Protein backbone atom coordinates (compact mmCIF):
# COMPACT_ATOMS: atom_id res chain seq x y z
CA UNK A 1 0.00 0.00 0.00
CA UNK A 2 2.82 2.43 0.83
CA UNK A 3 4.40 1.77 -2.55
CA UNK A 4 1.12 2.54 -4.31
CA UNK A 5 0.85 5.80 -2.38
CA UNK A 6 4.38 6.79 -3.33
CA UNK A 7 3.66 6.04 -6.99
CA UNK A 8 0.43 8.04 -6.85
CA UNK A 9 2.25 10.94 -5.19
CA UNK A 10 4.99 10.84 -7.83
CA UNK A 11 2.44 10.85 -10.64
CA UNK A 12 0.51 13.72 -9.11
CA UNK A 13 3.68 15.74 -8.76
CA UNK A 14 5.05 14.88 -12.20
CA UNK A 15 3.12 17.62 -14.00
CA UNK A 16 4.70 20.24 -11.78
CA UNK A 17 8.15 18.63 -11.67
CA UNK A 18 9.43 20.40 -14.77
CA UNK A 19 8.31 23.71 -13.33
CA UNK A 20 10.11 25.88 -10.87
CA UNK A 21 8.47 27.98 -8.21
CA UNK A 22 7.94 31.42 -9.76
CA UNK A 23 7.85 32.95 -6.29
CA UNK A 24 11.08 31.46 -4.92
CA UNK A 25 13.20 34.06 -3.12
CA UNK A 26 10.38 36.60 -3.17
CA UNK A 27 9.92 37.83 0.43
CA UNK A 28 6.43 39.25 -0.19
CA UNK A 29 5.30 35.94 -1.72
CA UNK A 30 6.77 34.03 1.23
CA UNK A 31 4.76 36.21 3.62
CA UNK A 32 1.60 35.65 1.57
CA UNK A 33 2.32 31.90 1.46
CA UNK A 34 2.67 31.85 5.25
CA UNK A 35 -0.67 33.62 5.59
CA UNK A 36 -2.30 31.19 3.14
CA UNK A 37 -0.79 28.23 5.03
CA UNK A 38 -2.12 29.61 8.31
CA UNK A 39 -5.64 29.98 6.94
CA UNK A 40 -5.73 26.79 4.85
CA UNK A 41 -3.34 24.19 6.25
CA UNK A 42 -2.90 24.60 10.00
CA UNK A 43 -6.14 22.77 10.78
CA UNK A 44 -4.49 19.54 9.65
CA UNK A 45 -0.75 20.24 9.68
CA UNK A 46 -0.47 22.55 12.69
CA UNK A 47 1.06 25.96 13.14
CA UNK A 48 4.44 26.29 11.44
CA UNK A 49 4.15 22.72 10.15
CA UNK A 50 4.73 21.24 13.59
CA UNK A 51 1.94 18.60 13.23
CA UNK A 52 -1.76 18.91 13.57
CA UNK A 53 -4.83 16.95 14.42
CA UNK A 54 -5.16 15.14 11.08
CA UNK A 55 -1.96 15.66 9.11
CA UNK A 56 1.70 15.02 9.77
CA UNK A 57 4.20 17.64 10.78
CA UNK A 58 5.79 19.12 7.69
CA UNK A 59 8.73 20.99 9.19
CA UNK A 60 10.29 18.12 11.12
CA UNK A 61 13.95 17.71 10.12
CA UNK A 62 14.64 14.38 8.48
CA UNK A 63 11.02 13.73 7.46
CA UNK A 64 10.50 13.09 3.78
CA UNK A 65 8.21 16.11 3.54
CA UNK A 66 11.10 18.43 4.42
CA UNK A 67 13.13 17.02 1.51
CA UNK A 68 10.46 17.52 -1.18
CA UNK A 69 11.00 20.00 -3.98
CA UNK A 70 8.64 22.93 -4.41
CA UNK A 71 7.28 21.17 -7.51
CA UNK A 72 6.50 18.01 -5.51
CA UNK A 73 4.82 20.04 -2.79
CA UNK A 74 2.85 21.93 -5.44
CA UNK A 75 1.60 18.63 -6.88
CA UNK A 76 0.59 17.29 -3.48
CA UNK A 77 -1.36 20.44 -2.63
CA UNK A 78 -2.96 20.69 -6.06
CA UNK A 79 -3.93 17.04 -6.52
CA UNK A 80 -3.98 15.74 -2.95
CA UNK A 81 -2.41 12.44 -1.94
CA UNK A 82 -4.61 9.43 -2.72
CA UNK A 83 -5.14 7.04 0.17
CA UNK A 84 -4.46 9.75 2.75
CA UNK A 85 -6.58 12.50 4.30
CA UNK A 86 -4.71 15.07 2.13
CA UNK A 87 -7.37 16.58 -0.17
CA UNK A 88 -6.84 18.19 -3.55
CA UNK A 89 -6.91 21.97 -3.46
CA UNK A 90 -7.16 22.49 -7.22
CA UNK A 91 -10.12 24.80 -7.75
CA UNK A 92 -9.96 25.95 -4.12
CA UNK A 93 -6.60 27.69 -4.44
CA UNK A 94 -5.08 29.26 -7.54
CA UNK A 95 -1.81 27.93 -8.92
CA UNK A 96 -0.10 31.11 -7.70
CA UNK A 97 -1.45 30.56 -4.18
CA UNK A 98 -0.26 26.95 -4.20
CA UNK A 99 3.23 28.00 -5.35
CA UNK A 100 3.37 30.58 -2.56
CA UNK A 101 2.50 27.93 0.03
CA UNK A 102 5.10 25.56 -1.43
C-alpha atoms as a PDB file:
ATOM      1  CA  UNK A   1       0.000   0.000   0.000  1.00  0.00           C
ATOM      2  CA  UNK A   2       2.818   2.426   0.826  1.00  0.00           C
ATOM      3  CA  UNK A   3       4.400   1.766  -2.554  1.00  0.00           C
ATOM      4  CA  UNK A   4       1.120   2.539  -4.313  1.00  0.00           C
ATOM      5  CA  UNK A   5       0.855   5.802  -2.377  1.00  0.00           C
ATOM      6  CA  UNK A   6       4.378   6.786  -3.332  1.00  0.00           C
ATOM      7  CA  UNK A   7       3.661   6.037  -6.986  1.00  0.00           C
ATOM      8  CA  UNK A   8       0.433   8.045  -6.853  1.00  0.00           C
ATOM      9  CA  UNK A   9       2.251  10.941  -5.193  1.00  0.00           C
ATOM     10  CA  UNK A  10       4.987  10.844  -7.829  1.00  0.00           C
ATOM     11  CA  UNK A  11       2.436  10.852 -10.641  1.00  0.00           C
ATOM     12  CA  UNK A  12       0.507  13.723  -9.105  1.00  0.00           C
ATOM     13  CA  UNK A  13       3.675  15.744  -8.762  1.00  0.00           C
ATOM     14  CA  UNK A  14       5.045  14.880 -12.203  1.00  0.00           C
ATOM     15  CA  UNK A  15       3.118  17.619 -13.997  1.00  0.00           C
ATOM     16  CA  UNK A  16       4.696  20.241 -11.776  1.00  0.00           C
ATOM     17  CA  UNK A  17       8.146  18.630 -11.672  1.00  0.00           C
ATOM     18  CA  UNK A  18       9.427  20.398 -14.771  1.00  0.00           C
ATOM     19  CA  UNK A  19       8.307  23.708 -13.331  1.00  0.00           C
ATOM     20  CA  UNK A  20      10.110  25.884 -10.867  1.00  0.00           C
ATOM     21  CA  UNK A  21       8.471  27.979  -8.214  1.00  0.00           C
ATOM     22  CA  UNK A  22       7.937  31.416  -9.763  1.00  0.00           C
ATOM     23  CA  UNK A  23       7.854  32.953  -6.289  1.00  0.00           C
ATOM     24  CA  UNK A  24      11.080  31.458  -4.919  1.00  0.00           C
ATOM     25  CA  UNK A  25      13.203  34.061  -3.122  1.00  0.00           C
ATOM     26  CA  UNK A  26      10.377  36.605  -3.165  1.00  0.00           C
ATOM     27  CA  UNK A  27       9.921  37.825   0.435  1.00  0.00           C
ATOM     28  CA  UNK A  28       6.434  39.253  -0.192  1.00  0.00           C
ATOM     29  CA  UNK A  29       5.302  35.942  -1.715  1.00  0.00           C
ATOM     30  CA  UNK A  30       6.773  34.026   1.228  1.00  0.00           C
ATOM     31  CA  UNK A  31       4.758  36.205   3.617  1.00  0.00           C
ATOM     32  CA  UNK A  32       1.599  35.653   1.568  1.00  0.00           C
ATOM     33  CA  UNK A  33       2.317  31.902   1.460  1.00  0.00           C
ATOM     34  CA  UNK A  34       2.673  31.853   5.246  1.00  0.00           C
ATOM     35  CA  UNK A  35      -0.672  33.620   5.586  1.00  0.00           C
ATOM     36  CA  UNK A  36      -2.304  31.186   3.142  1.00  0.00           C
ATOM     37  CA  UNK A  37      -0.794  28.230   5.029  1.00  0.00           C
ATOM     38  CA  UNK A  38      -2.116  29.608   8.314  1.00  0.00           C
ATOM     39  CA  UNK A  39      -5.640  29.983   6.936  1.00  0.00           C
ATOM     40  CA  UNK A  40      -5.727  26.794   4.851  1.00  0.00           C
ATOM     41  CA  UNK A  41      -3.337  24.190   6.245  1.00  0.00           C
ATOM     42  CA  UNK A  42      -2.905  24.596  10.004  1.00  0.00           C
ATOM     43  CA  UNK A  43      -6.137  22.766  10.780  1.00  0.00           C
ATOM     44  CA  UNK A  44      -4.491  19.543   9.645  1.00  0.00           C
ATOM     45  CA  UNK A  45      -0.748  20.241   9.685  1.00  0.00           C
ATOM     46  CA  UNK A  46      -0.470  22.546  12.688  1.00  0.00           C
ATOM     47  CA  UNK A  47       1.064  25.962  13.144  1.00  0.00           C
ATOM     48  CA  UNK A  48       4.440  26.287  11.444  1.00  0.00           C
ATOM     49  CA  UNK A  49       4.149  22.719  10.145  1.00  0.00           C
ATOM     50  CA  UNK A  50       4.734  21.239  13.593  1.00  0.00           C
ATOM     51  CA  UNK A  51       1.935  18.604  13.227  1.00  0.00           C
ATOM     52  CA  UNK A  52      -1.760  18.913  13.572  1.00  0.00           C
ATOM     53  CA  UNK A  53      -4.833  16.953  14.423  1.00  0.00           C
ATOM     54  CA  UNK A  54      -5.159  15.139  11.078  1.00  0.00           C
ATOM     55  CA  UNK A  55      -1.958  15.664   9.105  1.00  0.00           C
ATOM     56  CA  UNK A  56       1.698  15.016   9.772  1.00  0.00           C
ATOM     57  CA  UNK A  57       4.197  17.644  10.784  1.00  0.00           C
ATOM     58  CA  UNK A  58       5.786  19.124   7.692  1.00  0.00           C
ATOM     59  CA  UNK A  59       8.731  20.985   9.187  1.00  0.00           C
ATOM     60  CA  UNK A  60      10.287  18.123  11.119  1.00  0.00           C
ATOM     61  CA  UNK A  61      13.952  17.711  10.119  1.00  0.00           C
ATOM     62  CA  UNK A  62      14.635  14.377   8.483  1.00  0.00           C
ATOM     63  CA  UNK A  63      11.023  13.730   7.459  1.00  0.00           C
ATOM     64  CA  UNK A  64      10.497  13.087   3.779  1.00  0.00           C
ATOM     65  CA  UNK A  65       8.214  16.115   3.544  1.00  0.00           C
ATOM     66  CA  UNK A  66      11.098  18.428   4.421  1.00  0.00           C
ATOM     67  CA  UNK A  67      13.126  17.025   1.508  1.00  0.00           C
ATOM     68  CA  UNK A  68      10.458  17.520  -1.175  1.00  0.00           C
ATOM     69  CA  UNK A  69      11.000  20.005  -3.979  1.00  0.00           C
ATOM     70  CA  UNK A  70       8.641  22.928  -4.408  1.00  0.00           C
ATOM     71  CA  UNK A  71       7.275  21.173  -7.512  1.00  0.00           C
ATOM     72  CA  UNK A  72       6.500  18.011  -5.512  1.00  0.00           C
ATOM     73  CA  UNK A  73       4.817  20.044  -2.790  1.00  0.00           C
ATOM     74  CA  UNK A  74       2.847  21.933  -5.444  1.00  0.00           C
ATOM     75  CA  UNK A  75       1.602  18.626  -6.883  1.00  0.00           C
ATOM     76  CA  UNK A  76       0.591  17.287  -3.476  1.00  0.00           C
ATOM     77  CA  UNK A  77      -1.356  20.442  -2.632  1.00  0.00           C
ATOM     78  CA  UNK A  78      -2.955  20.695  -6.057  1.00  0.00           C
ATOM     79  CA  UNK A  79      -3.929  17.038  -6.519  1.00  0.00           C
ATOM     80  CA  UNK A  80      -3.982  15.741  -2.945  1.00  0.00           C
ATOM     81  CA  UNK A  81      -2.409  12.435  -1.943  1.00  0.00           C
ATOM     82  CA  UNK A  82      -4.614   9.430  -2.723  1.00  0.00           C
ATOM     83  CA  UNK A  83      -5.144   7.042   0.166  1.00  0.00           C
ATOM     84  CA  UNK A  84      -4.462   9.747   2.748  1.00  0.00           C
ATOM     85  CA  UNK A  85      -6.580  12.503   4.299  1.00  0.00           C
ATOM     86  CA  UNK A  86      -4.707  15.071   2.128  1.00  0.00           C
ATOM     87  CA  UNK A  87      -7.368  16.577  -0.173  1.00  0.00           C
ATOM     88  CA  UNK A  88      -6.844  18.185  -3.554  1.00  0.00           C
ATOM     89  CA  UNK A  89      -6.914  21.970  -3.463  1.00  0.00           C
ATOM     90  CA  UNK A  90      -7.165  22.486  -7.217  1.00  0.00           C
ATOM     91  CA  UNK A  91     -10.119  24.800  -7.753  1.00  0.00           C
ATOM     92  CA  UNK A  92      -9.965  25.945  -4.120  1.00  0.00           C
ATOM     93  CA  UNK A  93      -6.603  27.686  -4.437  1.00  0.00           C
ATOM     94  CA  UNK A  94      -5.084  29.259  -7.537  1.00  0.00           C
ATOM     95  CA  UNK A  95      -1.814  27.929  -8.920  1.00  0.00           C
ATOM     96  CA  UNK A  96      -0.100  31.111  -7.696  1.00  0.00           C
ATOM     97  CA  UNK A  97      -1.449  30.559  -4.179  1.00  0.00           C
ATOM     98  CA  UNK A  98      -0.255  26.945  -4.204  1.00  0.00           C
ATOM     99  CA  UNK A  99       3.227  27.999  -5.347  1.00  0.00           C
ATOM    100  CA  UNK A 100       3.370  30.580  -2.559  1.00  0.00           C
ATOM    101  CA  UNK A 101       2.497  27.932   0.029  1.00  0.00           C
ATOM    102  CA  UNK A 102       5.100  25.556  -1.430  1.00  0.00           C
END
